[in-house]
Amino acid sequence: MKPRVCRCSAAPMDYHRVMRLPSAPATHAVKLRGDYSAANADYVVEQAWGDYTPLEHALWERLLKRQFHLIETYGAPQVLAGLRALRIANHVPRFDEASKVLRAATGWEIVAVPGLIPEQNFFAHLARRHFPVTVWLRTPDEIDYLSEPDVFHDFFGHVPLLCDPIFADFMQAYGAAGHKASAEGGLKMLARLYWYCVEFGLIKTDSGLRAYGAGILSSAGETVFCIEDPSPHRIGFELERVMRTDYLIDAYQKTYFVMDSFEQLFRNAYDRDFAPIYRAYRDLPGLEPDAILPTDKVVTRGTQRVAGSGAANVGAAGIVG
């Protein structure tokens, strides 16, 4: 893409210093590559769709075909419904066109961002039903691993579920919870909820467990791993358990939490007061990613032979661990 020139008169800012990168254990360095110079106060930029090259469109098509084939087998039905509603084509999508579909379905729209953004800006966007989507696309040598979210992860992984009314309501409620989490010292716990229930969530269906998390859906390896492999634990969702559990940002997950339904997720986010949870656990160390507690509703107990050893395609825009 062509470089975007800043037209503002504000003094230059060190965006790498301002951004809070994930603090969970990582074996690959997380670096910001987006052009933040043209971002406004909300970190919004123009998508500049015409700047994508033929090679970038071809890479999008390659990623799309690979992942769509897998999601037909392993993805949640709500994900497939969203993908079909958006009519994702064999080129980088136009955010304005996708936003028309989202507005009609659930009142959401896409805002273009240069990459990871500060968590308070991220929360504010979600609370307004604006989903931040990164504008740049990975390179061909990054097709199987990426240390920060790109347009494929953000759009293909996250946007389809914003067509689902219940999940869309949950995402707005999540954004609205950011202010209290910051005031109560609970950002790390709120980030865990996002990680396990937005990026790496599984859900029960009539056909068995299916994936809906964006970190899973944008990773060919983890799409299969999370359902088929005997290594990871799969544990029934319980809010406090999820919010206490640490995670790895650049490896296959050691534990996946399983939702009964998106209604369960929404009700826990909307009806519960998170403040007592923050106060009870904010000064305590998190639970290990591979822990199983006596109170857990274990769906499958994993062998842990492979979990954590692979490289997943992950990244939660604006959320820190």
C-alpha atoms as a PDB file:
ATOM      1  CA  MET A   1       0.000   0.000   0.000  1.00  0.00           C
ATOM      2  CA  LYS A   2       1.111   3.559  -0.623  1.00  0.00           C
ATOM      3  CA  PRO A   3       2.327   5.440   2.451  1.00  0.00           C
ATOM      4  CA  ARG A   4      -0.318   7.675   3.988  1.00  0.00           C
ATOM      5  CA  VAL A   5       0.832  11.247   4.555  1.00  0.00           C
ATOM      6  CA  CYS A   6      -0.124  13.009   7.772  1.00  0.00           C
ATOM      7  CA  ARG A   7      -2.075  16.203   7.129  1.00  0.00           C
ATOM      8  CA  CYS A   8      -2.379  17.218  10.759  1.00  0.00           C
ATOM      9  CA  SER A   9      -0.288  19.874  12.468  1.00  0.00           C
ATOM     10  CA  ALA A  10       0.175  18.094  15.778  1.00  0.00           C
ATOM     11  CA  ALA A  11       3.675  17.270  16.975  1.00  0.00           C
ATOM     12  CA  PRO A  12       4.982  13.813  16.004  1.00  0.00           C
ATOM     13  CA  MET A  13       4.123  11.081  18.484  1.00  0.00           C
ATOM     14  CA  ASP A  14       5.978   7.880  19.329  1.00  0.00           C
ATOM     15  CA  TYR A  15       3.099   5.461  18.705  1.00  0.00           C
ATOM     16  CA  HIS A  16       5.188   2.460  19.717  1.00  0.00           C
ATOM     17  CA  ARG A  17       5.494   4.033  23.141  1.00  0.00           C
ATOM     18  CA  VAL A  18       1.803   4.979  23.396  1.00  0.00           C
ATOM     19  CA  MET A  19       0.502   1.550  22.358  1.00  0.00           C
ATOM     20  CA  ARG A  20       0.319  -1.081  25.095  1.00  0.00           C
ATOM     21  CA  LEU A  21       1.373  -4.360  23.571  1.00  0.00           C
ATOM     22  CA  PRO A  22       0.298  -7.745  24.964  1.00  0.00           C
ATOM     23  CA  SER A  23       2.207  -8.612  28.118  1.00  0.00           C
ATOM     24  CA  ALA A  24       1.351 -12.320  28.116  1.00  0.00           C
ATOM     25  CA  PRO A  25       4.254 -14.718  27.483  1.00  0.00           C
ATOM     26  CA  ALA A  26       5.482 -14.580  23.879  1.00  0.00           C
ATOM     27  CA  THR A  27       8.269 -16.273  21.962  1.00  0.00           C
ATOM     28  CA  HIS A  28       7.967 -13.894  19.004  1.00  0.00           C
ATOM     29  CA  ALA A  29       8.447 -10.147  19.395  1.00  0.00           C
ATOM     30  CA  VAL A  30       5.336  -8.063  18.807  1.00  0.00           C
ATOM     31  CA  LYS A  31       6.123  -5.039  16.645  1.00  0.00           C
ATOM     32  CA  LEU A  32       3.833  -2.340  15.331  1.00  0.00           C
ATOM     33  CA  ARG A  33       4.046  -1.950  11.572  1.00  0.00           C
ATOM     34  CA  GLY A  34       1.026   0.217  10.814  1.00  0.00           C
ATOM     35  CA  ASP A  35       1.302   3.829   9.664  1.00  0.00           C
ATOM     36  CA  TYR A  36      -0.119   5.805  12.574  1.00  0.00           C
ATOM     37  CA  SER A  37       0.855   9.207  11.202  1.00  0.00           C
ATOM     38  CA  ALA A  38      -2.492   9.782   9.466  1.00  0.00           C
ATOM     39  CA  ALA A  39      -4.687   8.522  12.312  1.00  0.00           C
ATOM     40  CA  ASN A  40      -7.146  10.910  13.932  1.00  0.00           C
ATOM     41  CA  ALA A  41      -7.716  11.240  17.673  1.00  0.00           C
ATOM     42  CA  ASP A  42      -9.708   7.986  17.684  1.00  0.00           C
ATOM     43  CA  TYR A  43      -6.945   6.199  15.710  1.00  0.00           C
ATOM     44  CA  VAL A  44      -9.171   6.023  12.632  1.00  0.00           C
ATOM     45  CA  VAL A  45      -7.648   6.205   9.136  1.00  0.00           C
ATOM     46  CA  GLU A  46      -8.955   5.941   5.603  1.00  0.00           C
ATOM     47  CA  GLN A  47      -8.968   2.412   4.218  1.00  0.00           C
ATOM     48  CA  ALA A  48      -7.647   3.665   0.855  1.00  0.00           C
ATOM     49  CA  TRP A  49      -8.902   0.513  -0.855  1.00  0.00           C
ATOM     50  CA  GLY A  50      -7.424   1.524  -4.193  1.00  0.00           C
ATOM     51  CA  ASP A  51      -3.917   1.290  -2.727  1.00  0.00           C
ATOM     52  CA  TYR A  52      -4.052  -2.481  -2.294  1.00  0.00           C
ATOM     53  CA  THR A  53      -1.899  -4.166  -4.925  1.00  0.00           C
ATOM     54  CA  PRO A  54      -2.854  -7.099  -7.177  1.00  0.00           C
ATOM     55  CA  LEU A  55      -0.472  -9.245  -5.119  1.00  0.00           C
ATOM     56  CA  GLU A  56      -2.303  -8.306  -1.930  1.00  0.00           C
ATOM     57  CA  HIS A  57      -5.677  -9.145  -3.456  1.00  0.00           C
ATOM     58  CA  ALA A  58      -4.256 -12.484  -4.623  1.00  0.00           C
ATOM     59  CA  LEU A  59      -2.961 -13.239  -1.134  1.00  0.00           C
ATOM     60  CA  TRP A  60      -6.369 -12.379   0.351  1.00  0.00           C
ATOM     61  CA  GLU A  61      -7.984 -14.804  -2.092  1.00  0.00           C
ATOM     62  CA  ARG A  62      -5.517 -17.533  -1.097  1.00  0.00           C
ATOM     63  CA  LEU A  63      -6.234 -17.012   2.604  1.00  0.00           C
ATOM     64  CA  LEU A  64      -9.981 -16.820   2.029  1.00  0.00           C
ATOM     65  CA  LYS A  65     -10.226 -20.057   0.076  1.00  0.00           C
ATOM     66  CA  ARG A  66      -8.142 -21.969   2.590  1.00  0.00           C
ATOM     67  CA  GLN A  67     -10.023 -20.770   5.650  1.00  0.00           C
ATOM     68  CA  PHE A  68     -13.536 -20.893   4.201  1.00  0.00           C
ATOM     69  CA  HIS A  69     -13.051 -24.545   3.322  1.00  0.00           C
ATOM     70  CA  LEU A  70     -12.037 -25.318   6.915  1.00  0.00           C
ATOM     71  CA  ILE A  71     -14.797 -23.252   8.480  1.00  0.00           C
ATOM     72  CA  GLU A  72     -17.441 -25.138   6.549  1.00  0.00           C
ATOM     73  CA  THR A  73     -16.376 -28.145   8.640  1.00  0.00           C
ATOM     74  CA  TYR A  74     -15.179 -26.634  11.917  1.00  0.00           C
ATOM     75  CA  GLY A  75     -16.823 -23.205  12.176  1.00  0.00           C
ATOM     76  CA  ALA A  76     -19.928 -22.287  14.129  1.00  0.00           C
ATOM     77  CA  PRO A  77     -23.085 -21.891  12.035  1.00  0.00           C
ATOM     78  CA  GLN A  78     -23.353 -18.227  13.062  1.00  0.00           C
ATOM     79  CA  VAL A  79     -19.926 -17.610  11.517  1.00  0.00           C
ATOM     80  CA  LEU A  80     -20.923 -19.197   8.223  1.00  0.00           C
ATOM     81  CA  ALA A  81     -24.155 -17.204   8.190  1.00  0.00           C
ATOM     82  CA  GLY A  82     -22.199 -13.987   8.688  1.00  0.00           C
ATOM     83  CA  LEU A  83     -19.692 -14.809   5.963  1.00  0.00           C
ATOM     84  CA  ARG A  84     -22.518 -15.436   3.510  1.00  0.00           C
ATOM     85  CA  ALA A  85     -24.368 -12.277   4.513  1.00  0.00           C
ATOM     86  CA  LEU A  86     -21.223 -10.206   3.921  1.00  0.00           C
ATOM     87  CA  ARG A  87     -20.653 -11.862   0.535  1.00  0.00           C
ATOM     88  CA  ILE A  88     -16.905 -11.790   1.032  1.00  0.00           C
ATOM     89  CA  ALA A  89     -15.237 -11.854  -2.382  1.00  0.00           C
ATOM     90  CA  ASN A  90     -11.824 -12.888  -3.660  1.00  0.00           C
ATOM     91  CA  HIS A  91     -10.283  -9.502  -2.944  1.00  0.00           C
ATOM     92  CA  VAL A  92      -9.643  -7.366   0.103  1.00  0.00           C
ATOM     93  CA  PRO A  93     -13.112  -6.198   1.165  1.00  0.00           C
ATOM     94  CA  ARG A  94     -14.300  -2.616   1.069  1.00  0.00           C
ATOM     95  CA  PHE A  95     -15.133  -1.576   4.599  1.00  0.00           C
ATOM     96  CA  ASP A  96     -17.871   0.828   3.518  1.00  0.00           C
ATOM     97  CA  GLU A  97     -19.732  -1.921   1.665  1.00  0.00           C
ATOM     98  CA  ALA A  98     -19.445  -4.347   4.579  1.00  0.00           C
ATOM     99  CA  SER A  99     -20.649  -1.640   6.961  1.00  0.00           C
ATOM    100  CA  LYS A 100     -23.893  -1.329   4.990  1.00  0.00           C
ATOM    101  CA  VAL A 101     -24.595  -5.015   5.665  1.00  0.00           C
ATOM    102  CA  LEU A 102     -23.702  -4.689   9.344  1.00  0.00           C
ATOM    103  CA  ARG A 103     -25.825  -1.591   9.901  1.00  0.00           C
ATOM    104  CA  ALA A 104     -28.858  -3.322   8.435  1.00  0.00           C
ATOM    105  CA  ALA A 105     -28.277  -6.473  10.510  1.00  0.00           C
ATOM    106  CA  THR A 106     -27.173  -5.195  13.929  1.00  0.00           C
ATOM    107  CA  GLY A 107     -26.320  -1.495  13.767  1.00  0.00           C
ATOM    108  CA  TRP A 108     -22.552  -2.042  13.683  1.00  0.00           C
ATOM    109  CA  GLU A 109     -20.030  -0.572  11.278  1.00  0.00           C
ATOM    110  CA  ILE A 110     -16.331  -0.912  10.547  1.00  0.00           C
ATOM    111  CA  VAL A 111     -13.738   1.759  11.264  1.00  0.00           C
ATOM    112  CA  ALA A 112     -10.306   1.470   9.642  1.00  0.00           C
ATOM    113  CA  VAL A 113      -7.293   1.608  11.973  1.00  0.00           C
ATOM    114  CA  PRO A 114      -3.528   1.344  11.394  1.00  0.00           C
ATOM    115  CA  GLY A 115      -3.144  -1.661  13.697  1.00  0.00           C
ATOM    116  CA  LEU A 116      -3.222  -2.210  17.458  1.00  0.00           C
ATOM    117  CA  ILE A 117      -4.737   0.781  19.251  1.00  0.00           C
ATOM    118  CA  PRO A 118      -4.835   1.827  22.931  1.00  0.00           C
ATOM    119  CA  GLU A 119      -7.351  -0.156  24.924  1.00  0.00           C
ATOM    120  CA  GLN A 120      -9.442   2.854  25.950  1.00  0.00           C
ATOM    121  CA  ASN A 121      -9.918   3.837  22.311  1.00  0.00           C
ATOM    122  CA  PHE A 122     -10.742   0.244  21.475  1.00  0.00           C
ATOM    123  CA  PHE A 123     -13.363   0.042  24.221  1.00  0.00           C
ATOM    124  CA  ALA A 124     -14.879   3.357  23.123  1.00  0.00           C
ATOM    125  CA  HIS A 125     -15.230   2.139  19.534  1.00  0.00           C
ATOM    126  CA  LEU A 126     -16.946  -1.063  20.620  1.00  0.00           C
ATOM    127  CA  ALA A 127     -19.319   0.791  22.927  1.00  0.00           C
ATOM    128  CA  ARG A 128     -20.418   2.852  19.884  1.00  0.00           C
ATOM    129  CA  ARG A 129     -20.802  -0.298  17.757  1.00  0.00           C
ATOM    130  CA  HIS A 130     -17.742   0.582  15.716  1.00  0.00           C
ATOM    131  CA  PHE A 131     -15.398  -2.348  15.112  1.00  0.00           C
ATOM    132  CA  PRO A 132     -11.747  -1.392  14.415  1.00  0.00           C
ATOM    133  CA  VAL A 133     -10.255  -3.293  11.471  1.00  0.00           C
ATOM    134  CA  THR A 134      -6.583  -3.027  10.550  1.00  0.00           C
ATOM    135  CA  VAL A 135      -5.948  -1.802   7.003  1.00  0.00           C
ATOM    136  CA  TRP A 136      -2.702  -3.605   6.123  1.00  0.00           C
ATOM    137  CA  LEU A 137      -2.349  -7.212   4.971  1.00  0.00           C
ATOM    138  CA  ARG A 138       0.369  -9.668   5.949  1.00  0.00           C
ATOM    139  CA  THR A 139       3.056 -10.720   3.493  1.00  0.00           C
ATOM    140  CA  PRO A 140       3.144 -14.141   1.769  1.00  0.00           C
ATOM    141  CA  ASP A 141       5.843 -15.415   4.140  1.00  0.00           C
ATOM    142  CA  GLU A 142       3.517 -14.664   7.086  1.00  0.00           C
ATOM    143  CA  ILE A 143       0.586 -16.698   5.821  1.00  0.00           C
ATOM    144  CA  ASP A 144       0.763 -19.119   8.765  1.00  0.00           C
ATOM    145  CA  TYR A 145       1.938 -16.840  11.574  1.00  0.00           C
ATOM    146  CA  LEU A 146       1.435 -13.215  12.478  1.00  0.00           C
ATOM    147  CA  SER A 147       2.307 -11.487  15.760  1.00  0.00           C
ATOM    148  CA  GLU A 148      -0.279  -8.708  15.416  1.00  0.00           C
ATOM    149  CA  PRO A 149      -3.680  -8.584  13.719  1.00  0.00           C
ATOM    150  CA  ASP A 150      -3.947  -7.676  10.032  1.00  0.00           C
ATOM    151  CA  VAL A 151      -6.972  -7.032   7.826  1.00  0.00           C
ATOM    152  CA  PHE A 152      -7.558 -10.746   7.259  1.00  0.00           C
ATOM    153  CA  HIS A 153      -7.584 -11.568  10.951  1.00  0.00           C
ATOM    154  CA  ASP A 154      -9.774  -8.610  11.857  1.00  0.00           C
ATOM    155  CA  PHE A 155     -12.232  -8.832   8.978  1.00  0.00           C
ATOM    156  CA  PHE A 156     -12.516 -12.547   8.272  1.00  0.00           C
ATOM    157  CA  GLY A 157     -12.135 -13.523  11.925  1.00  0.00           C
ATOM    158  CA  HIS A 158     -14.254 -10.907  13.700  1.00  0.00           C
ATOM    159  CA  VAL A 159     -16.675  -9.162  11.368  1.00  0.00           C
ATOM    160  CA  PRO A 160     -18.959 -12.086  10.376  1.00  0.00           C
ATOM    161  CA  LEU A 161     -20.172 -12.594  13.946  1.00  0.00           C
ATOM    162  CA  LEU A 162     -21.159  -8.935  14.149  1.00  0.00           C
ATOM    163  CA  CYS A 163     -24.050  -9.979  11.894  1.00  0.00           C
ATOM    164  CA  ASP A 164     -25.389 -12.097  14.779  1.00  0.00           C
ATOM    165  CA  PRO A 165     -27.630  -9.927  17.008  1.00  0.00           C
ATOM    166  CA  ILE A 166     -26.751 -11.596  20.304  1.00  0.00           C
ATOM    167  CA  PHE A 167     -23.004 -11.665  19.748  1.00  0.00           C
ATOM    168  CA  ALA A 168     -23.169  -8.082  18.465  1.00  0.00           C
ATOM    169  CA  ASP A 169     -24.879  -7.027  21.701  1.00  0.00           C
ATOM    170  CA  PHE A 170     -22.196  -8.793  23.720  1.00  0.00           C
ATOM    171  CA  MET A 171     -19.435  -6.916  21.904  1.00  0.00           C
ATOM    172  CA  GLN A 172     -21.062  -3.571  22.670  1.00  0.00           C
ATOM    173  CA  ALA A 173     -21.499  -4.552  26.325  1.00  0.00           C
ATOM    174  CA  TYR A 174     -17.855  -5.587  26.413  1.00  0.00           C
ATOM    175  CA  GLY A 175     -16.767  -2.197  25.140  1.00  0.00           C
ATOM    176  CA  ALA A 176     -18.938  -0.428  27.695  1.00  0.00           C
ATOM    177  CA  ALA A 177     -17.233  -2.462  30.456  1.00  0.00           C
ATOM    178  CA  GLY A 178     -13.821  -1.003  29.677  1.00  0.00           C
ATOM    179  CA  HIS A 179     -14.147   2.140  31.783  1.00  0.00           C
ATOM    180  CA  LYS A 180     -15.007   0.245  34.962  1.00  0.00           C
ATOM    181  CA  ALA A 181     -12.234  -2.271  34.327  1.00  0.00           C
ATOM    182  CA  SER A 182      -9.718   0.540  34.069  1.00  0.00           C
ATOM    183  CA  ALA A 183     -10.978   2.225  37.231  1.00  0.00           C
ATOM    184  CA  GLU A 184     -10.992  -1.044  39.205  1.00  0.00           C
ATOM    185  CA  GLY A 185      -7.615  -2.336  38.031  1.00  0.00           C
ATOM    186  CA  GLY A 186      -9.306  -5.113  36.081  1.00  0.00           C
ATOM    187  CA  LEU A 187      -8.017  -4.625  32.530  1.00  0.00           C
ATOM    188  CA  LYS A 188      -6.006  -7.832  32.607  1.00  0.00           C
ATOM    189  CA  MET A 189      -9.079  -9.825  33.626  1.00  0.00           C
ATOM    190  CA  LEU A 190     -11.242  -8.156  30.978  1.00  0.00           C
ATOM    191  CA  ALA A 191      -8.554  -8.942  28.405  1.00  0.00           C
ATOM    192  CA  ARG A 192      -8.710 -12.620  29.370  1.00  0.00           C
ATOM    193  CA  LEU A 193     -12.444 -12.626  28.702  1.00  0.00           C
ATOM    194  CA  TYR A 194     -11.808 -11.211  25.233  1.00  0.00           C
ATOM    195  CA  TRP A 195      -9.009 -13.650  24.551  1.00  0.00           C
ATOM    196  CA  TYR A 196     -10.862 -16.795  25.506  1.00  0.00           C
ATOM    197  CA  CYS A 197     -14.379 -15.813  24.421  1.00  0.00           C
ATOM    198  CA  VAL A 198     -13.819 -13.586  21.380  1.00  0.00           C
ATOM    199  CA  GLU A 199     -10.471 -14.716  19.986  1.00  0.00           C
ATOM    200  CA  PHE A 200     -10.448 -18.396  20.957  1.00  0.00           C
ATOM    201  CA  GLY A 201     -13.976 -19.440  21.845  1.00  0.00           C
ATOM    202  CA  LEU A 202     -15.734 -22.723  21.107  1.00  0.00           C
ATOM    203  CA  ILE A 203     -19.478 -23.271  21.168  1.00  0.00           C
ATOM    204  CA  LYS A 204     -21.721 -26.321  21.466  1.00  0.00           C
ATOM    205  CA  THR A 205     -23.873 -27.127  18.440  1.00  0.00           C
ATOM    206  CA  ASP A 206     -26.067 -30.022  17.351  1.00  0.00           C
ATOM    207  CA  SER A 207     -23.079 -31.220  15.305  1.00  0.00           C
ATOM    208  CA  GLY A 208     -20.648 -31.070  18.211  1.00  0.00           C
ATOM    209  CA  LEU A 209     -18.131 -28.421  19.250  1.00  0.00           C
ATOM    210  CA  ARG A 210     -17.483 -25.687  16.701  1.00  0.00           C
ATOM    211  CA  ALA A 211     -15.099 -22.735  16.598  1.00  0.00           C
ATOM    212  CA  TYR A 212     -16.152 -19.108  16.548  1.00  0.00           C
ATOM    213  CA  GLY A 213     -13.105 -17.246  17.914  1.00  0.00           C
ATOM    214  CA  ALA A 214     -11.332 -14.933  15.465  1.00  0.00           C
ATOM    215  CA  GLY A 215      -7.860 -16.150  16.412  1.00  0.00           C
ATOM    216  CA  ILE A 216      -8.978 -19.660  15.513  1.00  0.00           C
ATOM    217  CA  LEU A 217     -10.895 -18.778  12.362  1.00  0.00           C
ATOM    218  CA  SER A 218      -7.949 -16.915  10.824  1.00  0.00           C
ATOM    219  CA  SER A 219      -5.483 -19.747  11.530  1.00  0.00           C
ATOM    220  CA  ALA A 220      -5.549 -22.869   9.360  1.00  0.00           C
ATOM    221  CA  GLY A 221      -3.689 -24.953  11.910  1.00  0.00           C
ATOM    222  CA  GLU A 222      -5.673 -23.951  14.953  1.00  0.00           C
ATOM    223  CA  THR A 223      -9.033 -24.285  13.206  1.00  0.00           C
ATOM    224  CA  VAL A 224      -8.416 -28.041  13.045  1.00  0.00           C
ATOM    225  CA  PHE A 225      -6.393 -28.294  16.266  1.00  0.00           C
ATOM    226  CA  CYS A 226      -9.039 -26.783  18.544  1.00  0.00           C
ATOM    227  CA  ILE A 227     -11.654 -29.368  17.528  1.00  0.00           C
ATOM    228  CA  GLU A 228      -9.724 -32.498  16.544  1.00  0.00           C
ATOM    229  CA  ASP A 229      -6.543 -32.598  18.624  1.00  0.00           C
ATOM    230  CA  PRO A 230      -6.490 -34.464  21.970  1.00  0.00           C
ATOM    231  CA  SER A 231      -3.909 -32.061  23.451  1.00  0.00           C
ATOM    232  CA  PRO A 232      -5.894 -29.074  24.771  1.00  0.00           C
ATOM    233  CA  HIS A 233      -8.372 -28.987  27.611  1.00  0.00           C
ATOM    234  CA  ARG A 234     -11.898 -27.965  26.690  1.00  0.00           C
ATOM    235  CA  ILE A 235     -13.767 -26.568  29.682  1.00  0.00           C
ATOM    236  CA  GLY A 236     -17.303 -25.257  30.062  1.00  0.00           C
ATOM    237  CA  PHE A 237     -17.549 -21.477  30.304  1.00  0.00           C
ATOM    238  CA  GLU A 238     -17.699 -19.919  33.757  1.00  0.00           C
ATOM    239  CA  LEU A 239     -17.088 -16.173  33.937  1.00  0.00           C
ATOM    240  CA  GLU A 240     -14.761 -15.924  36.922  1.00  0.00           C
ATOM    241  CA  ARG A 241     -12.766 -18.942  35.768  1.00  0.00           C
ATOM    242  CA  VAL A 242     -12.141 -17.360  32.392  1.00  0.00           C
ATOM    243  CA  MET A 243     -11.238 -13.977  33.846  1.00  0.00           C
ATOM    244  CA  ARG A 244      -8.655 -15.580  36.151  1.00  0.00           C
ATOM    245  CA  THR A 245      -6.883 -17.682  33.516  1.00  0.00           C
ATOM    246  CA  ASP A 246      -3.652 -16.580  31.855  1.00  0.00           C
ATOM    247  CA  TYR A 247      -2.993 -17.304  28.181  1.00  0.00           C
ATOM    248  CA  LEU A 248      -0.231 -17.548  25.599  1.00  0.00           C
ATOM    249  CA  ILE A 249      -0.310 -15.061  22.740  1.00  0.00           C
ATOM    250  CA  ASP A 250       1.688 -16.899  20.082  1.00  0.00           C
ATOM    251  CA  ALA A 251       1.020 -20.598  20.567  1.00  0.00           C
ATOM    252  CA  TYR A 252      -1.898 -22.947  20.227  1.00  0.00           C
ATOM    253  CA  GLN A 253      -4.048 -22.603  23.312  1.00  0.00           C
ATOM    254  CA  LYS A 254      -3.657 -25.072  26.157  1.00  0.00           C
ATOM    255  CA  THR A 255      -7.300 -24.578  27.134  1.00  0.00           C
ATOM    256  CA  TYR A 256     -10.418 -23.594  25.212  1.00  0.00           C
ATOM    257  CA  PHE A 257     -13.569 -22.477  27.005  1.00  0.00           C
ATOM    258  CA  VAL A 258     -16.838 -23.774  25.599  1.00  0.00           C
ATOM    259  CA  MET A 259     -20.036 -21.712  25.409  1.00  0.00           C
ATOM    260  CA  ASP A 260     -23.481 -23.284  25.574  1.00  0.00           C
ATOM    261  CA  SER A 261     -24.788 -20.384  23.481  1.00  0.00           C
ATOM    262  CA  PHE A 262     -24.074 -16.742  22.698  1.00  0.00           C
ATOM    263  CA  GLU A 263     -26.991 -15.881  24.972  1.00  0.00           C
ATOM    264  CA  GLN A 264     -24.946 -17.327  27.850  1.00  0.00           C
ATOM    265  CA  LEU A 265     -22.028 -15.078  26.917  1.00  0.00           C
ATOM    266  CA  PHE A 266     -24.194 -11.969  26.592  1.00  0.00           C
ATOM    267  CA  ARG A 267     -26.062 -12.516  29.841  1.00  0.00           C
ATOM    268  CA  ASN A 268     -22.788 -12.904  31.742  1.00  0.00           C
ATOM    269  CA  ALA A 269     -21.456  -9.671  30.268  1.00  0.00           C
ATOM    270  CA  TYR A 270     -24.671  -7.663  30.610  1.00  0.00           C
ATOM    271  CA  ASP A 271     -26.173  -8.912  33.872  1.00  0.00           C
ATOM    272  CA  ARG A 272     -23.049  -9.359  35.994  1.00  0.00           C
ATOM    273  CA  ASP A 273     -21.256  -6.627  37.896  1.00  0.00           C
ATOM    274  CA  PHE A 274     -17.574  -7.232  37.179  1.00  0.00           C
ATOM    275  CA  ALA A 275     -16.337  -4.950  40.000  1.00  0.00           C
ATOM    276  CA  PRO A 276     -16.457  -7.631  42.747  1.00  0.00           C
ATOM    277  CA  ILE A 277     -14.500  -9.993  40.459  1.00  0.00           C
ATOM    278  CA  TYR A 278     -11.836  -7.344  39.839  1.00  0.00           C
ATOM    279  CA  ARG A 279     -11.495  -6.623  43.546  1.00  0.00           C
ATOM    280  CA  ALA A 280     -11.285 -10.291  44.475  1.00  0.00           C
ATOM    281  CA  TYR A 281      -8.610 -11.297  41.949  1.00  0.00           C
ATOM    282  CA  ARG A 282      -6.766  -8.229  40.651  1.00  0.00           C
ATOM    283  CA  ASP A 283      -3.838  -8.653  43.054  1.00  0.00           C
ATOM    284  CA  LEU A 284      -3.603 -12.430  42.688  1.00  0.00           C
ATOM    285  CA  PRO A 285      -1.566 -14.299  40.080  1.00  0.00           C
ATOM    286  CA  GLY A 286      -3.532 -15.746  37.201  1.00  0.00           C
ATOM    287  CA  LEU A 287      -4.277 -19.425  36.837  1.00  0.00           C
ATOM    288  CA  GLU A 288      -1.931 -21.358  34.575  1.00  0.00           C
ATOM    289  CA  PRO A 289      -3.238 -21.820  31.021  1.00  0.00           C
ATOM    290  CA  ASP A 290      -3.211 -25.616  31.391  1.00  0.00           C
ATOM    291  CA  ALA A 291      -4.819 -25.765  34.852  1.00  0.00           C
ATOM    292  CA  ILE A 292      -7.879 -27.866  35.626  1.00  0.00           C
ATOM    293  CA  LEU A 293      -9.776 -27.039  38.802  1.00  0.00           C
ATOM    294  CA  PRO A 294     -12.003 -29.391  40.820  1.00  0.00           C
ATOM    295  CA  THR A 295     -14.958 -27.126  40.049  1.00  0.00           C
ATOM    296  CA  ASP A 296     -14.409 -27.115  36.270  1.00  0.00           C
ATOM    297  CA  LYS A 297     -17.013 -28.521  33.911  1.00  0.00           C
ATOM    298  CA  VAL A 298     -14.564 -30.525  31.828  1.00  0.00           C
ATOM    299  CA  VAL A 299     -15.761 -31.245  28.308  1.00  0.00           C
ATOM    300  CA  THR A 300     -12.513 -32.999  27.334  1.00  0.00           C
ATOM    301  CA  ARG A 301      -9.372 -33.339  29.441  1.00  0.00           C
ATOM    302  CA  GLY A 302      -6.389 -32.771  27.180  1.00  0.00           C
ATOM    303  CA  THR A 303      -3.119 -34.663  27.067  1.00  0.00           C
ATOM    304  CA  GLN A 304      -1.169 -31.363  26.789  1.00  0.00           C
ATOM    305  CA  ARG A 305       1.347 -33.108  24.522  1.00  0.00           C
ATOM    306  CA  VAL A 306       1.087 -30.562  21.724  1.00  0.00           C
ATOM    307  CA  ALA A 307      -0.864 -27.623  23.100  1.00  0.00           C
ATOM    308  CA  GLY A 308       1.312 -24.546  23.351  1.00  0.00           C
ATOM    309  CA  SER A 309       4.000 -25.793  20.981  1.00  0.00           C
ATOM    310  CA  GLY A 310       2.627 -24.430  17.716  1.00  0.00           C
ATOM    311  CA  ALA A 311       2.417 -20.948  16.286  1.00  0.00           C
ATOM    312  CA  ALA A 312      -1.075 -19.612  15.966  1.00  0.00           C
ATOM    313  CA  ASN A 313      -2.251 -16.652  13.953  1.00  0.00           C
ATOM    314  CA  VAL A 314      -3.378 -14.452  16.779  1.00  0.00           C
ATOM    315  CA  GLY A 315      -3.764 -10.899  17.950  1.00  0.00           C
ATOM    316  CA  ALA A 316      -6.477  -8.886  19.655  1.00  0.00           C
ATOM    317  CA  ALA A 317      -6.561  -5.313  18.424  1.00  0.00           C
ATOM    318  CA  GLY A 318      -6.376  -2.965  21.370  1.00  0.00           C
ATOM    319  CA  ILE A 319      -6.541  -5.620  24.080  1.00  0.00           C
ATOM    320  CA  VAL A 320      -3.591  -6.285  26.338  1.00  0.00           C
ATOM    321  CA  GLY A 321      -2.851  -9.214  28.582  1.00  0.00           C
END
